[in-house]
Amino acid sequence: MASPYLNQPLTPTRPRMFNTTISKVIWTLVPIISLGLAAAVPFVVAAVKGVVKPWLAITYVVGEIAIFSIALAISPDGTGDSAVPGFLLTLLIIAAATHTALLDNEKINLGK
């Protein structure tokens, strides 16, 4: 008699964002080097690869546009008497780099 466990198909594994450690480092540096302008790019790529759900990438795109809009509305001429725009952009860069590094973490299930 055949065992049902032996004939079971293997469960598909979740697609990976990073193939190597160097690719993880490069993708994590994208939001940092671009100064936040490309903060959503790793999440759009991850959504296309099927690593995360599309709503997460859309949230990052909308959040990036909102943060840049708020930063420009606070200091449109660039003279900058306020530290708030720089603080917002710094938070965006840190959050995007951290979340990009966590894209392949198995313990995190939100958006996957």
C-alpha atoms as a PDB file:
ATOM      1  CA  MET A   1       0.000   0.000   0.000  1.00  0.00           C
ATOM      2  CA  ALA A   2       1.371   3.410  -0.964  1.00  0.00           C
ATOM      3  CA  SER A   3       1.759   6.079   1.626  1.00  0.00           C
ATOM      4  CA  PRO A   4      -0.111   9.342   0.936  1.00  0.00           C
ATOM      5  CA  TYR A   5       2.857  11.242   2.335  1.00  0.00           C
ATOM      6  CA  LEU A   6       5.203   9.909  -0.322  1.00  0.00           C
ATOM      7  CA  ASN A   7       2.881  10.859  -3.182  1.00  0.00           C
ATOM      8  CA  GLN A   8       2.153  14.361  -1.928  1.00  0.00           C
ATOM      9  CA  PRO A   9       3.463  17.143  -4.181  1.00  0.00           C
ATOM     10  CA  LEU A  10       6.025  19.414  -2.602  1.00  0.00           C
ATOM     11  CA  THR A  11       4.684  22.708  -1.382  1.00  0.00           C
ATOM     12  CA  PRO A  12       5.990  25.525  -3.532  1.00  0.00           C
ATOM     13  CA  THR A  13       8.524  27.744  -1.864  1.00  0.00           C
ATOM     14  CA  ARG A  14       8.111  31.475  -1.777  1.00  0.00           C
ATOM     15  CA  PRO A  15      10.151  33.313  -4.422  1.00  0.00           C
ATOM     16  CA  ARG A  16      13.334  34.931  -3.185  1.00  0.00           C
ATOM     17  CA  MET A  17      14.276  38.567  -3.715  1.00  0.00           C
ATOM     18  CA  PHE A  18      18.007  38.122  -3.239  1.00  0.00           C
ATOM     19  CA  ASN A  19      20.100  35.349  -4.773  1.00  0.00           C
ATOM     20  CA  THR A  20      23.353  36.306  -3.056  1.00  0.00           C
ATOM     21  CA  THR A  21      24.518  38.428  -0.157  1.00  0.00           C
ATOM     22  CA  ILE A  22      26.032  40.998  -2.520  1.00  0.00           C
ATOM     23  CA  SER A  23      22.679  41.452  -4.256  1.00  0.00           C
ATOM     24  CA  LYS A  24      21.054  42.016  -0.848  1.00  0.00           C
ATOM     25  CA  VAL A  25      23.651  44.689  -0.051  1.00  0.00           C
ATOM     26  CA  ILE A  26      23.192  46.388  -3.429  1.00  0.00           C
ATOM     27  CA  TRP A  27      19.382  46.405  -3.177  1.00  0.00           C
ATOM     28  CA  THR A  28      19.598  47.721   0.396  1.00  0.00           C
ATOM     29  CA  LEU A  29      21.855  50.561  -0.767  1.00  0.00           C
ATOM     30  CA  VAL A  30      19.405  51.695  -3.487  1.00  0.00           C
ATOM     31  CA  PRO A  31      17.261  53.902  -1.167  1.00  0.00           C
ATOM     32  CA  ILE A  32      20.370  55.232   0.565  1.00  0.00           C
ATOM     33  CA  ILE A  33      22.377  56.146  -2.526  1.00  0.00           C
ATOM     34  CA  SER A  34      19.373  57.656  -4.311  1.00  0.00           C
ATOM     35  CA  LEU A  35      18.624  59.759  -1.193  1.00  0.00           C
ATOM     36  CA  GLY A  36      15.127  58.319  -1.026  1.00  0.00           C
ATOM     37  CA  LEU A  37      14.159  59.064  -4.628  1.00  0.00           C
ATOM     38  CA  ALA A  38      14.170  55.341  -5.450  1.00  0.00           C
ATOM     39  CA  ALA A  39      12.923  54.133  -2.070  1.00  0.00           C
ATOM     40  CA  ALA A  40      10.004  52.250  -3.617  1.00  0.00           C
ATOM     41  CA  VAL A  41      11.987  50.582  -6.427  1.00  0.00           C
ATOM     42  CA  PRO A  42      13.013  47.464  -4.432  1.00  0.00           C
ATOM     43  CA  PHE A  43       9.380  46.900  -3.436  1.00  0.00           C
ATOM     44  CA  VAL A  44       8.092  47.293  -6.986  1.00  0.00           C
ATOM     45  CA  VAL A  45      10.704  44.763  -8.148  1.00  0.00           C
ATOM     46  CA  ALA A  46       9.754  42.442  -5.282  1.00  0.00           C
ATOM     47  CA  ALA A  47       6.070  42.705  -6.247  1.00  0.00           C
ATOM     48  CA  VAL A  48       6.885  41.869  -9.865  1.00  0.00           C
ATOM     49  CA  LYS A  49       8.963  38.861  -8.736  1.00  0.00           C
ATOM     50  CA  GLY A  50       6.097  37.722  -6.497  1.00  0.00           C
ATOM     51  CA  VAL A  51       8.022  38.117  -3.250  1.00  0.00           C
ATOM     52  CA  VAL A  52       5.478  40.555  -1.778  1.00  0.00           C
ATOM     53  CA  LYS A  53       1.903  41.414  -2.618  1.00  0.00           C
ATOM     54  CA  PRO A  54       1.298  44.373  -4.968  1.00  0.00           C
ATOM     55  CA  TRP A  55      -0.482  46.408  -2.278  1.00  0.00           C
ATOM     56  CA  LEU A  56       2.799  46.699  -0.360  1.00  0.00           C
ATOM     57  CA  ALA A  57       4.590  48.166  -3.373  1.00  0.00           C
ATOM     58  CA  ILE A  58       1.677  50.545  -4.007  1.00  0.00           C
ATOM     59  CA  THR A  59       1.808  51.644  -0.361  1.00  0.00           C
ATOM     60  CA  TYR A  60       5.520  52.426  -0.680  1.00  0.00           C
ATOM     61  CA  VAL A  61       5.009  54.408  -3.896  1.00  0.00           C
ATOM     62  CA  VAL A  62       2.168  56.440  -2.381  1.00  0.00           C
ATOM     63  CA  GLY A  63       4.113  56.949   0.861  1.00  0.00           C
ATOM     64  CA  GLU A  64       7.205  58.124  -0.999  1.00  0.00           C
ATOM     65  CA  ILE A  65       5.182  60.606  -3.051  1.00  0.00           C
ATOM     66  CA  ALA A  66       3.417  61.847   0.093  1.00  0.00           C
ATOM     67  CA  ILE A  67       6.659  62.340   2.033  1.00  0.00           C
ATOM     68  CA  PHE A  68       8.331  64.207  -0.827  1.00  0.00           C
ATOM     69  CA  SER A  69       5.205  66.353  -1.298  1.00  0.00           C
ATOM     70  CA  ILE A  70       5.071  67.239   2.391  1.00  0.00           C
ATOM     71  CA  ALA A  71       8.797  67.985   2.447  1.00  0.00           C
ATOM     72  CA  LEU A  72       8.480  70.303  -0.566  1.00  0.00           C
ATOM     73  CA  ALA A  73       5.370  71.971   0.861  1.00  0.00           C
ATOM     74  CA  ILE A  74       7.154  72.766   4.113  1.00  0.00           C
ATOM     75  CA  SER A  75      10.240  74.171   2.408  1.00  0.00           C
ATOM     76  CA  PRO A  76       9.438  74.909  -1.262  1.00  0.00           C
ATOM     77  CA  ASP A  77      12.286  77.379  -1.874  1.00  0.00           C
ATOM     78  CA  GLY A  78      14.978  75.221  -0.316  1.00  0.00           C
ATOM     79  CA  THR A  79      16.235  77.850   2.120  1.00  0.00           C
ATOM     80  CA  GLY A  80      15.060  75.622   4.928  1.00  0.00           C
ATOM     81  CA  ASP A  81      14.361  77.280   8.238  1.00  0.00           C
ATOM     82  CA  SER A  82      12.809  73.998   9.349  1.00  0.00           C
ATOM     83  CA  ALA A  83      14.471  70.677  10.014  1.00  0.00           C
ATOM     84  CA  VAL A  84      11.243  68.737   9.419  1.00  0.00           C
ATOM     85  CA  PRO A  85      11.750  68.056   5.655  1.00  0.00           C
ATOM     86  CA  GLY A  86      15.211  66.647   6.224  1.00  0.00           C
ATOM     87  CA  PHE A  87      13.938  64.577   9.124  1.00  0.00           C
ATOM     88  CA  LEU A  88      11.096  63.160   7.007  1.00  0.00           C
ATOM     89  CA  LEU A  89      13.464  62.253   4.176  1.00  0.00           C
ATOM     90  CA  THR A  90      15.896  60.671   6.621  1.00  0.00           C
ATOM     91  CA  LEU A  91      13.077  58.564   8.090  1.00  0.00           C
ATOM     92  CA  LEU A  92      12.038  57.504   4.574  1.00  0.00           C
ATOM     93  CA  ILE A  93      15.586  56.446   3.694  1.00  0.00           C
ATOM     94  CA  ILE A  94      16.082  54.508   6.936  1.00  0.00           C
ATOM     95  CA  ALA A  95      12.687  52.783   6.746  1.00  0.00           C
ATOM     96  CA  ALA A  96      13.077  51.843   3.079  1.00  0.00           C
ATOM     97  CA  ALA A  97      16.604  50.476   3.557  1.00  0.00           C
ATOM     98  CA  THR A  98      15.562  48.480   6.621  1.00  0.00           C
ATOM     99  CA  HIS A  99      12.471  47.039   4.953  1.00  0.00           C
ATOM    100  CA  THR A 100      14.433  46.201   1.807  1.00  0.00           C
ATOM    101  CA  ALA A 101      16.928  44.239   3.884  1.00  0.00           C
ATOM    102  CA  LEU A 102      14.039  42.320   5.486  1.00  0.00           C
ATOM    103  CA  LEU A 103      12.351  41.287   2.214  1.00  0.00           C
ATOM    104  CA  ASP A 104      13.613  37.680   2.395  1.00  0.00           C
ATOM    105  CA  ASN A 105      13.181  37.260   6.136  1.00  0.00           C
ATOM    106  CA  GLU A 106      11.066  34.174   6.832  1.00  0.00           C
ATOM    107  CA  LYS A 107       9.808  35.471  10.191  1.00  0.00           C
ATOM    108  CA  ILE A 108       7.985  38.404   8.611  1.00  0.00           C
ATOM    109  CA  ASN A 109       4.711  37.494   6.924  1.00  0.00           C
ATOM    110  CA  LEU A 110       3.076  40.909   6.447  1.00  0.00           C
ATOM    111  CA  GLY A 111       2.539  41.567   2.771  1.00  0.00           C
ATOM    112  CA  LYS A 112       3.883  38.207   1.649  1.00  0.00           C
END
